[in-house]
Amino acid sequence: MYSPTTLDYFMHPRNVGRVDEYDGVGRARSRFCDDRLEITVAVRAGAVRAGFRAQACSACIAAASMLTDLVNARPHSPAEARAIDLPTLAAAMVAVPEEKLRCVRLAPVALARALDDAAKEGAA
């Protein structure tokens, strides 16, 4: 059963779309259910802003929405943003069915790839 928090982040996703003038893009895809997630990041003055696009299930969309909200809620350095891992994200979502954690996992993976891409470009 999904928590009210998770349902809210699915029904009213935050930070949908690419971040303006993004420095990095990260993509993740599930082999199990074909969820596709893209997270873009902009790194300015050492702080990360993130947005996402998804073609995915409710758990993946809620996770991407929650993750980008956590990143954007206060200034995070790239290292602090990268520290928002699966256990942290799952705890913030309050309740996610065990079988849907593989979908939630895509969000931190895509974020890490976006931050790696931004670092290659010299932004992070």
PDB file of N, CA and C in Angstrom:
ATOM      1  N   MET A   1       0.848  -1.176   0.000  1.00  0.00           N
ATOM      2  CA  MET A   1       0.000   0.000   0.000  1.00  0.00           C
ATOM      3  C   MET A   1       0.893   1.239   0.000  1.00  0.00           C
ATOM      4  N   TYR A   2       0.536   2.193  -0.822  1.00  0.00           N
ATOM      5  CA  TYR A   2       1.285   3.451  -0.879  1.00  0.00           C
ATOM      6  C   TYR A   2       0.820   4.396   0.227  1.00  0.00           C
ATOM      7  N   SER A   3       1.741   5.189   0.716  1.00  0.00           N
ATOM      8  CA  SER A   3       1.411   6.187   1.734  1.00  0.00           C
ATOM      9  C   SER A   3       0.718   7.380   1.085  1.00  0.00           C
ATOM     10  N   PRO A   4       0.006   8.187   1.875  1.00  0.00           N
ATOM     11  CA  PRO A   4      -0.573   9.420   1.335  1.00  0.00           C
ATOM     12  C   PRO A   4       0.507  10.336   0.733  1.00  0.00           C
ATOM     13  N   THR A   5       1.688  10.355   1.329  1.00  0.00           N
ATOM     14  CA  THR A   5       2.786  11.173   0.808  1.00  0.00           C
ATOM     15  C   THR A   5       3.176  10.709  -0.591  1.00  0.00           C
ATOM     16  N   THR A   6       3.356   9.416  -0.755  1.00  0.00           N
ATOM     17  CA  THR A   6       3.729   8.860  -2.063  1.00  0.00           C
ATOM     18  C   THR A   6       2.645   9.137  -3.085  1.00  0.00           C
ATOM     19  N   LEU A   7       1.399   8.936  -2.714  1.00  0.00           N
ATOM     20  CA  LEU A   7       0.295   9.205  -3.640  1.00  0.00           C
ATOM     21  C   LEU A   7       0.251  10.672  -4.048  1.00  0.00           C
ATOM     22  N   ASP A   8       0.507  11.572  -3.090  1.00  0.00           N
ATOM     23  CA  ASP A   8       0.513  12.999  -3.405  1.00  0.00           C
ATOM     24  C   ASP A   8       1.608  13.328  -4.413  1.00  0.00           C
ATOM     25  N   TYR A   9       2.803  12.765  -4.230  1.00  0.00           N
ATOM     26  CA  TYR A   9       3.901  13.032  -5.154  1.00  0.00           C
ATOM     27  C   TYR A   9       3.662  12.415  -6.527  1.00  0.00           C
ATOM     28  N   PHE A  10       2.839  11.374  -6.595  1.00  0.00           N
ATOM     29  CA  PHE A  10       2.460  10.824  -7.891  1.00  0.00           C
ATOM     30  C   PHE A  10       1.357  11.658  -8.542  1.00  0.00           C
ATOM     31  N   MET A  11       0.335  11.985  -7.776  1.00  0.00           N
ATOM     32  CA  MET A  11      -0.809  12.717  -8.329  1.00  0.00           C
ATOM     33  C   MET A  11      -0.481  14.181  -8.651  1.00  0.00           C
ATOM     34  N   HIS A  12       0.473  14.738  -7.911  1.00  0.00           N
ATOM     35  CA  HIS A  12       0.867  16.141  -8.081  1.00  0.00           C
ATOM     36  C   HIS A  12       2.389  16.226  -8.168  1.00  0.00           C
ATOM     37  N   PRO A  13       2.957  15.694  -9.244  1.00  0.00           N
ATOM     38  CA  PRO A  13       4.422  15.649  -9.328  1.00  0.00           C
ATOM     39  C   PRO A  13       5.046  17.044  -9.353  1.00  0.00           C
ATOM     40  N   ARG A  14       6.170  17.157  -8.674  1.00  0.00           N
ATOM     41  CA  ARG A  14       6.922  18.409  -8.616  1.00  0.00           C
ATOM     42  C   ARG A  14       8.120  18.312  -9.559  1.00  0.00           C
ATOM     43  N   ASN A  15       8.551  19.466 -10.062  1.00  0.00           N
ATOM     44  CA  ASN A  15       9.786  19.581 -10.843  1.00  0.00           C
ATOM     45  C   ASN A  15       9.771  18.783 -12.143  1.00  0.00           C
ATOM     46  N   VAL A  16       8.597  18.691 -12.768  1.00  0.00           N
ATOM     47  CA  VAL A  16       8.478  17.979 -14.034  1.00  0.00           C
ATOM     48  C   VAL A  16       9.086  18.835 -15.138  1.00  0.00           C
ATOM     49  N   GLY A  17       9.870  18.207 -15.965  1.00  0.00           N
ATOM     50  CA  GLY A  17      10.509  18.878 -17.092  1.00  0.00           C
ATOM     51  C   GLY A  17      11.991  19.065 -16.851  1.00  0.00           C
ATOM     52  N   ARG A  18      12.662  19.411 -17.911  1.00  0.00           N
ATOM     53  CA  ARG A  18      14.104  19.644 -17.806  1.00  0.00           C
ATOM     54  C   ARG A  18      14.364  20.976 -17.118  1.00  0.00           C
ATOM     55  N   VAL A  19      15.435  21.017 -16.339  1.00  0.00           N
ATOM     56  CA  VAL A  19      15.878  22.255 -15.702  1.00  0.00           C
ATOM     57  C   VAL A  19      16.434  23.166 -16.801  1.00  0.00           C
ATOM     58  N   ASP A  20      16.129  24.451 -16.723  1.00  0.00           N
ATOM     59  CA  ASP A  20      16.668  25.404 -17.699  1.00  0.00           C
ATOM     60  C   ASP A  20      18.186  25.401 -17.640  1.00  0.00           C
ATOM     61  N   GLU A  21      18.793  25.447 -18.799  1.00  0.00           N
ATOM     62  CA  GLU A  21      20.251  25.520 -18.919  1.00  0.00           C
ATOM     63  C   GLU A  21      20.939  24.458 -18.065  1.00  0.00           C
ATOM     64  N   TYR A  22      20.500  23.219 -18.232  1.00  0.00           N
ATOM     65  CA  TYR A  22      21.049  22.134 -17.427  1.00  0.00           C
ATOM     66  C   TYR A  22      22.494  21.821 -17.826  1.00  0.00           C
ATOM     67  N   ASP A  23      23.229  21.317 -16.838  1.00  0.00           N
ATOM     68  CA  ASP A  23      24.638  20.962 -17.030  1.00  0.00           C
ATOM     69  C   ASP A  23      24.839  19.466 -17.206  1.00  0.00           C
ATOM     70  N   GLY A  24      23.892  18.687 -16.737  1.00  0.00           N
ATOM     71  CA  GLY A  24      24.032  17.240 -16.836  1.00  0.00           C
ATOM     72  C   GLY A  24      22.689  16.567 -16.979  1.00  0.00           C
ATOM     73  N   VAL A  25      22.715  15.426 -17.646  1.00  0.00           N
ATOM     74  CA  VAL A  25      21.502  14.623 -17.817  1.00  0.00           C
ATOM     75  C   VAL A  25      21.843  13.179 -17.460  1.00  0.00           C
ATOM     76  N   GLY A  26      20.942  12.555 -16.732  1.00  0.00           N
ATOM     77  CA  GLY A  26      21.108  11.147 -16.376  1.00  0.00           C
ATOM     78  C   GLY A  26      19.833  10.392 -16.677  1.00  0.00           C
ATOM     79  N   ARG A  27      20.017   9.219 -17.230  1.00  0.00           N
ATOM     80  CA  ARG A  27      18.856   8.394 -17.578  1.00  0.00           C
ATOM     81  C   ARG A  27      18.977   7.029 -16.903  1.00  0.00           C
ATOM     82  N   ALA A  28      17.829   6.470 -16.567  1.00  0.00           N
ATOM     83  CA  ALA A  28      17.779   5.124 -16.010  1.00  0.00           C
ATOM     84  C   ALA A  28      16.534   4.438 -16.570  1.00  0.00           C
ATOM     85  N   ARG A  29      16.661   3.136 -16.764  1.00  0.00           N
ATOM     86  CA  ARG A  29      15.561   2.354 -17.335  1.00  0.00           C
ATOM     87  C   ARG A  29      15.489   1.015 -16.618  1.00  0.00           C
ATOM     88  N   SER A  30      14.292   0.578 -16.356  1.00  0.00           N
ATOM     89  CA  SER A  30      14.073  -0.715 -15.720  1.00  0.00           C
ATOM     90  C   SER A  30      13.908  -1.792 -16.781  1.00  0.00           C
ATOM     91  N   ARG A  31      14.617  -2.868 -16.617  1.00  0.00           N
ATOM     92  CA  ARG A  31      14.462  -4.017 -17.519  1.00  0.00           C
ATOM     93  C   ARG A  31      13.208  -4.812 -17.174  1.00  0.00           C
ATOM     94  N   PHE A  32      12.710  -4.640 -15.955  1.00  0.00           N
ATOM     95  CA  PHE A  32      11.555  -5.412 -15.494  1.00  0.00           C
ATOM     96  C   PHE A  32      10.243  -4.869 -16.037  1.00  0.00           C
ATOM     97  N   CYS A  33      10.108  -3.548 -16.007  1.00  0.00           N
ATOM     98  CA  CYS A  33       8.804  -2.974 -16.362  1.00  0.00           C
ATOM     99  C   CYS A  33       8.900  -1.881 -17.421  1.00  0.00           C
ATOM    100  N   ASP A  34      10.085  -1.644 -17.938  1.00  0.00           N
ATOM    101  CA  ASP A  34      10.324  -0.662 -18.988  1.00  0.00           C
ATOM    102  C   ASP A  34      10.079   0.781 -18.549  1.00  0.00           C
ATOM    103  N   ASP A  35      10.140   1.051 -17.235  1.00  0.00           N
ATOM    104  CA  ASP A  35      10.092   2.433 -16.763  1.00  0.00           C
ATOM    105  C   ASP A  35      11.298   3.165 -17.324  1.00  0.00           C
ATOM    106  N   ARG A  36      11.102   4.413 -17.714  1.00  0.00           N
ATOM    107  CA  ARG A  36      12.191   5.250 -18.222  1.00  0.00           C
ATOM    108  C   ARG A  36      12.168   6.580 -17.488  1.00  0.00           C
ATOM    109  N   LEU A  37      13.314   6.975 -17.004  1.00  0.00           N
ATOM    110  CA  LEU A  37      13.425   8.190 -16.207  1.00  0.00           C
ATOM    111  C   LEU A  37      14.623   9.000 -16.673  1.00  0.00           C
ATOM    112  N   GLU A  38      14.420  10.300 -16.777  1.00  0.00           N
ATOM    113  CA  GLU A  38      15.507  11.225 -17.109  1.00  0.00           C
ATOM    114  C   GLU A  38      15.511  12.328 -16.059  1.00  0.00           C
ATOM    115  N   ILE A  39      16.676  12.584 -15.484  1.00  0.00           N
ATOM    116  CA  ILE A  39      16.844  13.687 -14.540  1.00  0.00           C
ATOM    117  C   ILE A  39      17.895  14.621 -15.100  1.00  0.00           C
ATOM    118  N   THR A  40      17.582  15.914 -15.092  1.00  0.00           N
ATOM    119  CA  THR A  40      18.561  16.929 -15.490  1.00  0.00           C
ATOM    120  C   THR A  40      18.937  17.737 -14.259  1.00  0.00           C
ATOM    121  N   VAL A  41      20.192  18.193 -14.254  1.00  0.00           N
ATOM    122  CA  VAL A  41      20.674  19.010 -13.140  1.00  0.00           C
ATOM    123  C   VAL A  41      21.372  20.247 -13.681  1.00  0.00           C
ATOM    124  N   ALA A  42      21.224  21.316 -12.940  1.00  0.00           N
ATOM    125  CA  ALA A  42      21.986  22.539 -13.175  1.00  0.00           C
ATOM    126  C   ALA A  42      22.755  22.803 -11.885  1.00  0.00           C
ATOM    127  N   VAL A  43      24.031  23.056 -12.024  1.00  0.00           N
ATOM    128  CA  VAL A  43      24.868  23.328 -10.858  1.00  0.00           C
ATOM    129  C   VAL A  43      25.339  24.768 -10.967  1.00  0.00           C
ATOM    130  N   ARG A  44      24.893  25.600 -10.033  1.00  0.00           N
ATOM    131  CA  ARG A  44      25.245  27.014 -10.012  1.00  0.00           C
ATOM    132  C   ARG A  44      25.737  27.372  -8.621  1.00  0.00           C
ATOM    133  N   ALA A  45      26.884  27.987  -8.559  1.00  0.00           N
ATOM    134  CA  ALA A  45      27.483  28.386  -7.278  1.00  0.00           C
ATOM    135  C   ALA A  45      27.537  27.214  -6.299  1.00  0.00           C
ATOM    136  N   GLY A  46      27.809  26.024  -6.828  1.00  0.00           N
ATOM    137  CA  GLY A  46      27.944  24.846  -5.988  1.00  0.00           C
ATOM    138  C   GLY A  46      26.642  24.217  -5.535  1.00  0.00           C
ATOM    139  N   ALA A  47      25.499  24.765  -5.965  1.00  0.00           N
ATOM    140  CA  ALA A  47      24.195  24.230  -5.567  1.00  0.00           C
ATOM    141  C   ALA A  47      23.509  23.564  -6.759  1.00  0.00           C
ATOM    142  N   VAL A  48      22.836  22.466  -6.494  1.00  0.00           N
ATOM    143  CA  VAL A  48      22.184  21.672  -7.532  1.00  0.00           C
ATOM    144  C   VAL A  48      20.695  21.982  -7.591  1.00  0.00           C
ATOM    145  N   ARG A  49      20.177  22.120  -8.819  1.00  0.00           N
ATOM    146  CA  ARG A  49      18.736  22.152  -9.078  1.00  0.00           C
ATOM    147  C   ARG A  49      18.442  20.978  -9.999  1.00  0.00           C
ATOM    148  N   ALA A  50      17.297  20.336  -9.807  1.00  0.00           N
ATOM    149  CA  ALA A  50      16.983  19.140 -10.588  1.00  0.00           C
ATOM    150  C   ALA A  50      15.551  19.152 -11.087  1.00  0.00           C
ATOM    151  N   GLY A  51      15.353  18.525 -12.232  1.00  0.00           N
ATOM    152  CA  GLY A  51      14.031  18.310 -12.807  1.00  0.00           C
ATOM    153  C   GLY A  51      13.999  16.919 -13.426  1.00  0.00           C
ATOM    154  N   PHE A  52      12.813  16.433 -13.749  1.00  0.00           N
ATOM    155  CA  PHE A  52      12.731  15.084 -14.310  1.00  0.00           C
ATOM    156  C   PHE A  52      11.648  14.968 -15.370  1.00  0.00           C
ATOM    157  N   ARG A  53      11.834  13.970 -16.210  1.00  0.00           N
ATOM    158  CA  ARG A  53      10.822  13.522 -17.161  1.00  0.00           C
ATOM    159  C   ARG A  53      10.753  12.012 -17.023  1.00  0.00           C
ATOM    160  N   ALA A  54       9.546  11.461 -17.104  1.00  0.00           N
ATOM    161  CA  ALA A  54       9.404  10.016 -16.915  1.00  0.00           C
ATOM    162  C   ALA A  54       8.305   9.450 -17.787  1.00  0.00           C
ATOM    163  N   GLN A  55       8.542   8.232 -18.192  1.00  0.00           N
ATOM    164  CA  GLN A  55       7.528   7.387 -18.805  1.00  0.00           C
ATOM    165  C   GLN A  55       7.572   6.142 -17.925  1.00  0.00           C
ATOM    166  N   ALA A  56       6.785   6.183 -16.856  1.00  0.00           N
ATOM    167  CA  ALA A  56       7.001   5.205 -15.798  1.00  0.00           C
ATOM    168  C   ALA A  56       5.746   4.987 -14.963  1.00  0.00           C
ATOM    169  N   CYS A  57       5.882   4.041 -14.054  1.00  0.00           N
ATOM    170  CA  CYS A  57       4.784   3.704 -13.141  1.00  0.00           C
ATOM    171  C   CYS A  57       4.657   4.760 -12.038  1.00  0.00           C
ATOM    172  N   SER A  58       3.618   4.606 -11.251  1.00  0.00           N
ATOM    173  CA  SER A  58       3.346   5.579 -10.190  1.00  0.00           C
ATOM    174  C   SER A  58       4.472   5.658  -9.177  1.00  0.00           C
ATOM    175  N   ALA A  59       5.077   4.529  -8.808  1.00  0.00           N
ATOM    176  CA  ALA A  59       6.160   4.544  -7.818  1.00  0.00           C
ATOM    177  C   ALA A  59       7.383   5.291  -8.347  1.00  0.00           C
ATOM    178  N   CYS A  60       7.724   5.081  -9.599  1.00  0.00           N
ATOM    179  CA  CYS A  60       8.885   5.747 -10.189  1.00  0.00           C
ATOM    180  C   CYS A  60       8.649   7.251 -10.315  1.00  0.00           C
ATOM    181  N   ILE A  61       7.462   7.640 -10.752  1.00  0.00           N
ATOM    182  CA  ILE A  61       7.135   9.063 -10.871  1.00  0.00           C
ATOM    183  C   ILE A  61       7.146   9.725  -9.501  1.00  0.00           C
ATOM    184  N   ALA A  62       6.546   9.082  -8.516  1.00  0.00           N
ATOM    185  CA  ALA A  62       6.540   9.642  -7.155  1.00  0.00           C
ATOM    186  C   ALA A  62       7.969   9.766  -6.632  1.00  0.00           C
ATOM    187  N   ALA A  63       8.798   8.766  -6.886  1.00  0.00           N
ATOM    188  CA  ALA A  63      10.189   8.797  -6.412  1.00  0.00           C
ATOM    189  C   ALA A  63      10.976   9.917  -7.075  1.00  0.00           C
ATOM    190  N   ALA A  64      10.823  10.091  -8.376  1.00  0.00           N
ATOM    191  CA  ALA A  64      11.539  11.165  -9.079  1.00  0.00           C
ATOM    192  C   ALA A  64      11.069  12.530  -8.601  1.00  0.00           C
ATOM    193  N   SER A  65       9.772  12.652  -8.384  1.00  0.00           N
ATOM    194  CA  SER A  65       9.213  13.899  -7.885  1.00  0.00           C
ATOM    195  C   SER A  65       9.745  14.210  -6.485  1.00  0.00           C
ATOM    196  N   MET A  66       9.721  13.203  -5.612  1.00  0.00           N
ATOM    197  CA  MET A  66      10.219  13.370  -4.239  1.00  0.00           C
ATOM    198  C   MET A  66      11.715  13.680  -4.240  1.00  0.00           C
ATOM    199  N   LEU A  67      12.487  12.945  -5.034  1.00  0.00           N
ATOM    200  CA  LEU A  67      13.935  13.158  -5.064  1.00  0.00           C
ATOM    201  C   LEU A  67      14.286  14.562  -5.532  1.00  0.00           C
ATOM    202  N   THR A  68      13.672  15.011  -6.617  1.00  0.00           N
ATOM    203  CA  THR A  68      13.977  16.358  -7.102  1.00  0.00           C
ATOM    204  C   THR A  68      13.498  17.415  -6.113  1.00  0.00           C
ATOM    205  N   ASP A  69      12.401  17.145  -5.417  1.00  0.00           N
ATOM    206  CA  ASP A  69      11.931  18.071  -4.390  1.00  0.00           C
ATOM    207  C   ASP A  69      12.931  18.148  -3.227  1.00  0.00           C
ATOM    208  N   LEU A  70      13.464  17.006  -2.824  1.00  0.00           N
ATOM    209  CA  LEU A  70      14.470  16.997  -1.757  1.00  0.00           C
ATOM    210  C   LEU A  70      15.718  17.770  -2.177  1.00  0.00           C
ATOM    211  N   VAL A  71      16.142  17.575  -3.415  1.00  0.00           N
ATOM    212  CA  VAL A  71      17.334  18.280  -3.921  1.00  0.00           C
ATOM    213  C   VAL A  71      17.088  19.777  -3.988  1.00  0.00           C
ATOM    214  N   ASN A  72      15.905  20.162  -4.457  1.00  0.00           N
ATOM    215  CA  ASN A  72      15.609  21.576  -4.683  1.00  0.00           C
ATOM    216  C   ASN A  72      15.136  22.312  -3.431  1.00  0.00           C
ATOM    217  N   ALA A  73      14.806  21.584  -2.381  1.00  0.00           N
ATOM    218  CA  ALA A  73      14.239  22.202  -1.181  1.00  0.00           C
ATOM    219  C   ALA A  73      15.210  23.150  -0.488  1.00  0.00           C
ATOM    220  N   ARG A  74      16.482  22.843  -0.579  1.00  0.00           N
ATOM    221  CA  ARG A  74      17.501  23.711   0.006  1.00  0.00           C
ATOM    222  C   ARG A  74      18.766  23.540  -0.829  1.00  0.00           C
ATOM    223  N   PRO A  75      19.693  24.470  -0.746  1.00  0.00           N
ATOM    224  CA  PRO A  75      20.915  24.313  -1.539  1.00  0.00           C
ATOM    225  C   PRO A  75      21.687  23.049  -1.151  1.00  0.00           C
ATOM    226  N   HIS A  76      21.872  22.177  -2.105  1.00  0.00           N
ATOM    227  CA  HIS A  76      22.662  20.962  -1.928  1.00  0.00           C
ATOM    228  C   HIS A  76      23.886  21.045  -2.832  1.00  0.00           C
ATOM    229  N   SER A  77      25.027  20.681  -2.313  1.00  0.00           N
ATOM    230  CA  SER A  77      26.192  20.510  -3.171  1.00  0.00           C
ATOM    231  C   SER A  77      25.972  19.227  -3.960  1.00  0.00           C
ATOM    232  N   PRO A  78      26.733  19.018  -5.041  1.00  0.00           N
ATOM    233  CA  PRO A  78      26.601  17.744  -5.755  1.00  0.00           C
ATOM    234  C   PRO A  78      26.811  16.537  -4.836  1.00  0.00           C
ATOM    235  N   ALA A  79      27.761  16.600  -3.923  1.00  0.00           N
ATOM    236  CA  ALA A  79      28.005  15.473  -3.015  1.00  0.00           C
ATOM    237  C   ALA A  79      26.813  15.245  -2.086  1.00  0.00           C
ATOM    238  N   GLU A  80      26.197  16.307  -1.587  1.00  0.00           N
ATOM    239  CA  GLU A  80      25.026  16.166  -0.714  1.00  0.00           C
ATOM    240  C   GLU A  80      23.834  15.605  -1.493  1.00  0.00           C
ATOM    241  N   ALA A  81      23.661  16.072  -2.727  1.00  0.00           N
ATOM    242  CA  ALA A  81      22.563  15.563  -3.553  1.00  0.00           C
ATOM    243  C   ALA A  81      22.763  14.077  -3.830  1.00  0.00           C
ATOM    244  N   ARG A  82      23.993  13.679  -4.107  1.00  0.00           N
ATOM    245  CA  ARG A  82      24.301  12.277  -4.394  1.00  0.00           C
ATOM    246  C   ARG A  82      24.040  11.391  -3.164  1.00  0.00           C
ATOM    247  N   ALA A  83      24.107  11.959  -1.978  1.00  0.00           N
ATOM    248  CA  ALA A  83      23.901  11.194  -0.741  1.00  0.00           C
ATOM    249  C   ALA A  83      22.436  10.812  -0.521  1.00  0.00           C
ATOM    250  N   ILE A  84      21.525  11.377  -1.299  1.00  0.00           N
ATOM    251  CA  ILE A  84      20.111  10.991  -1.194  1.00  0.00           C
ATOM    252  C   ILE A  84      19.965   9.671  -1.945  1.00  0.00           C
ATOM    253  N   ASP A  85      20.120   8.588  -1.206  1.00  0.00           N
ATOM    254  CA  ASP A  85      20.144   7.256  -1.799  1.00  0.00           C
ATOM    255  C   ASP A  85      18.782   6.571  -1.660  1.00  0.00           C
ATOM    256  N   LEU A  86      18.716   5.311  -2.064  1.00  0.00           N
ATOM    257  CA  LEU A  86      17.458   4.576  -2.012  1.00  0.00           C
ATOM    258  C   LEU A  86      16.860   4.516  -0.606  1.00  0.00           C
ATOM    259  N   PRO A  87      17.622   4.165   0.436  1.00  0.00           N
ATOM    260  CA  PRO A  87      17.010   4.141   1.775  1.00  0.00           C
ATOM    261  C   PRO A  87      16.468   5.504   2.221  1.00  0.00           C
ATOM    262  N   THR A  88      17.205   6.563   1.919  1.00  0.00           N
ATOM    263  CA  THR A  88      16.754   7.912   2.285  1.00  0.00           C
ATOM    264  C   THR A  88      15.472   8.262   1.544  1.00  0.00           C
ATOM    265  N   LEU A  89      15.451   7.975   0.250  1.00  0.00           N
ATOM    266  CA  LEU A  89      14.283   8.283  -0.576  1.00  0.00           C
ATOM    267  C   LEU A  89      13.077   7.448  -0.154  1.00  0.00           C
ATOM    268  N   ALA A  90      13.263   6.162   0.071  1.00  0.00           N
ATOM    269  CA  ALA A  90      12.161   5.299   0.484  1.00  0.00           C
ATOM    270  C   ALA A  90      11.593   5.748   1.832  1.00  0.00           C
ATOM    271  N   ALA A  91      12.463   6.180   2.740  1.00  0.00           N
ATOM    272  CA  ALA A  91      11.991   6.678   4.035  1.00  0.00           C
ATOM    273  C   ALA A  91      11.179   7.960   3.866  1.00  0.00           C
ATOM    274  N   ALA A  92      11.612   8.842   2.969  1.00  0.00           N
ATOM    275  CA  ALA A  92      10.874  10.087   2.729  1.00  0.00           C
ATOM    276  C   ALA A  92       9.506   9.819   2.109  1.00  0.00           C
ATOM    277  N   MET A  93       9.419   8.755   1.325  1.00  0.00           N
ATOM    278  CA  MET A  93       8.145   8.402   0.696  1.00  0.00           C
ATOM    279  C   MET A  93       7.204   7.719   1.681  1.00  0.00           C
ATOM    280  N   VAL A  94       7.668   7.371   2.852  1.00  0.00           N
ATOM    281  CA  VAL A  94       6.938   6.793   3.979  1.00  0.00           C
ATOM    282  C   VAL A  94       6.597   5.317   3.751  1.00  0.00           C
ATOM    283  N   ALA A  95       5.889   4.977   2.703  1.00  0.00           N
ATOM    284  CA  ALA A  95       5.546   3.573   2.459  1.00  0.00           C
ATOM    285  C   ALA A  95       5.488   3.309   0.960  1.00  0.00           C
ATOM    286  N   VAL A  96       6.276   2.332   0.550  1.00  0.00           N
ATOM    287  CA  VAL A  96       6.284   1.875  -0.837  1.00  0.00           C
ATOM    288  C   VAL A  96       6.278   0.349  -0.782  1.00  0.00           C
ATOM    289  N   PRO A  97       5.424  -0.299  -1.556  1.00  0.00           N
ATOM    290  CA  PRO A  97       5.441  -1.758  -1.550  1.00  0.00           C
ATOM    291  C   PRO A  97       6.835  -2.294  -1.916  1.00  0.00           C
ATOM    292  N   GLU A  98       7.236  -3.340  -1.256  1.00  0.00           N
ATOM    293  CA  GLU A  98       8.560  -3.940  -1.457  1.00  0.00           C
ATOM    294  C   GLU A  98       8.853  -4.207  -2.932  1.00  0.00           C
ATOM    295  N   GLU A  99       7.881  -4.714  -3.652  1.00  0.00           N
ATOM    296  CA  GLU A  99       8.093  -5.051  -5.064  1.00  0.00           C
ATOM    297  C   GLU A  99       8.256  -3.820  -5.956  1.00  0.00           C
ATOM    298  N   LYS A 100       7.958  -2.625  -5.440  1.00  0.00           N
ATOM    299  CA  LYS A 100       8.098  -1.397  -6.225  1.00  0.00           C
ATOM    300  C   LYS A 100       9.402  -0.644  -5.920  1.00  0.00           C
ATOM    301  N   LEU A 101      10.190  -1.162  -4.983  1.00  0.00           N
ATOM    302  CA  LEU A 101      11.455  -0.493  -4.661  1.00  0.00           C
ATOM    303  C   LEU A 101      12.413  -0.475  -5.849  1.00  0.00           C
ATOM    304  N   ARG A 102      12.313  -1.468  -6.734  1.00  0.00           N
ATOM    305  CA  ARG A 102      13.165  -1.444  -7.935  1.00  0.00           C
ATOM    306  C   ARG A 102      12.823  -0.256  -8.828  1.00  0.00           C
ATOM    307  N   CYS A 103      11.581   0.193  -8.778  1.00  0.00           N
ATOM    308  CA  CYS A 103      11.166   1.373  -9.547  1.00  0.00           C
ATOM    309  C   CYS A 103      11.665   2.649  -8.870  1.00  0.00           C
ATOM    310  N   VAL A 104      11.597   2.680  -7.560  1.00  0.00           N
ATOM    311  CA  VAL A 104      12.083   3.826  -6.780  1.00  0.00           C
ATOM    312  C   VAL A 104      13.587   3.990  -6.977  1.00  0.00           C
ATOM    313  N   ARG A 105      14.302   2.885  -7.081  1.00  0.00           N
ATOM    314  CA  ARG A 105      15.759   2.876  -7.223  1.00  0.00           C
ATOM    315  C   ARG A 105      16.231   3.653  -8.470  1.00  0.00           C
ATOM    316  N   LEU A 106      15.386   3.751  -9.487  1.00  0.00           N
ATOM    317  CA  LEU A 106      15.786   4.445 -10.710  1.00  0.00           C
ATOM    318  C   LEU A 106      16.104   5.917 -10.468  1.00  0.00           C
ATOM    319  N   ALA A 107      15.412   6.542  -9.528  1.00  0.00           N
ATOM    320  CA  ALA A 107      15.615   7.982  -9.302  1.00  0.00           C
ATOM    321  C   ALA A 107      17.023   8.310  -8.810  1.00  0.00           C
ATOM    322  N   PRO A 108      17.539   7.676  -7.756  1.00  0.00           N
ATOM    323  CA  PRO A 108      18.913   7.991  -7.348  1.00  0.00           C
ATOM    324  C   PRO A 108      19.949   7.597  -8.408  1.00  0.00           C
ATOM    325  N   VAL A 109      19.667   6.547  -9.171  1.00  0.00           N
ATOM    326  CA  VAL A 109      20.589   6.147 -10.247  1.00  0.00           C
ATOM    327  C   VAL A 109      20.651   7.239 -11.312  1.00  0.00           C
ATOM    328  N   ALA A 110      19.494   7.723 -11.745  1.00  0.00           N
ATOM    329  CA  ALA A 110      19.463   8.775 -12.770  1.00  0.00           C
ATOM    330  C   ALA A 110      20.099  10.063 -12.250  1.00  0.00           C
ATOM    331  N   LEU A 111      19.862  10.396 -10.975  1.00  0.00           N
ATOM    332  CA  LEU A 111      20.475  11.595 -10.397  1.00  0.00           C
ATOM    333  C   LEU A 111      21.994  11.475 -10.388  1.00  0.00           C
ATOM    334  N   ALA A 112      22.508  10.338  -9.967  1.00  0.00           N
ATOM    335  CA  ALA A 112      23.965  10.137  -9.937  1.00  0.00           C
ATOM    336  C   ALA A 112      24.556  10.264 -11.340  1.00  0.00           C
ATOM    337  N   ARG A 113      23.878   9.721 -12.327  1.00  0.00           N
ATOM    338  CA  ARG A 113      24.357   9.824 -13.715  1.00  0.00           C
ATOM    339  C   ARG A 113      24.326  11.275 -14.199  1.00  0.00           C
ATOM    340  N   ALA A 114      23.306  12.014 -13.812  1.00  0.00           N
ATOM    341  CA  ALA A 114      23.226  13.431 -14.190  1.00  0.00           C
ATOM    342  C   ALA A 114      24.361  14.225 -13.542  1.00  0.00           C
ATOM    343  N   LEU A 115      24.645  13.933 -12.276  1.00  0.00           N
ATOM    344  CA  LEU A 115      25.739  14.622 -11.585  1.00  0.00           C
ATOM    345  C   LEU A 115      27.093  14.243 -12.188  1.00  0.00           C
ATOM    346  N   ASP A 116      27.260  12.976 -12.571  1.00  0.00           N
ATOM    347  CA  ASP A 116      28.488  12.556 -13.252  1.00  0.00           C
ATOM    348  C   ASP A 116      28.637  13.294 -14.580  1.00  0.00           C
ATOM    349  N   ASP A 117      27.547  13.423 -15.317  1.00  0.00           N
ATOM    350  CA  ASP A 117      27.574  14.128 -16.599  1.00  0.00           C
ATOM    351  C   ASP A 117      27.929  15.605 -16.400  1.00  0.00           C
ATOM    352  N   ALA A 118      27.358  16.218 -15.371  1.00  0.00           N
ATOM    353  CA  ALA A 118      27.655  17.620 -15.082  1.00  0.00           C
ATOM    354  C   ALA A 118      29.141  17.795 -14.701  1.00  0.00           C
ATOM    355  N   ALA A 119      29.674  16.822 -13.960  1.00  0.00           N
ATOM    356  CA  ALA A 119      31.083  16.888 -13.556  1.00  0.00           C
ATOM    357  C   ALA A 119      31.998  16.790 -14.773  1.00  0.00           C
ATOM    358  N   LYS A 120      31.616  15.975 -15.757  1.00  0.00           N
ATOM    359  CA  LYS A 120      32.400  15.852 -16.998  1.00  0.00           C
ATOM    360  C   LYS A 120      32.433  17.179 -17.738  1.00  0.00           C
ATOM    361  N   GLU A 121      31.335  17.904 -17.651  1.00  0.00           N
ATOM    362  CA  GLU A 121      31.238  19.185 -18.341  1.00  0.00           C
ATOM    363  C   GLU A 121      31.876  20.302 -17.529  1.00  0.00           C
ATOM    364  N   GLY A 122      32.319  19.984 -16.315  1.00  0.00           N
ATOM    365  CA  GLY A 122      33.002  20.965 -15.485  1.00  0.00           C
ATOM    366  C   GLY A 122      32.106  21.809 -14.606  1.00  0.00           C
ATOM    367  N   ALA A 123      30.827  21.484 -14.532  1.00  0.00           N
ATOM    368  CA  ALA A 123      29.902  22.289 -13.712  1.00  0.00           C
ATOM    369  C   ALA A 123      29.907  21.864 -12.253  1.00  0.00           C
ATOM    370  N   ALA A 124      30.066  20.571 -12.020  1.00  0.00           N
ATOM    371  CA  ALA A 124      29.974  20.062 -10.641  1.00  0.00           C
ATOM    372  C   ALA A 124      31.354  19.903 -10.011  1.00  0.00           C
TER     373      ALA A 124
END
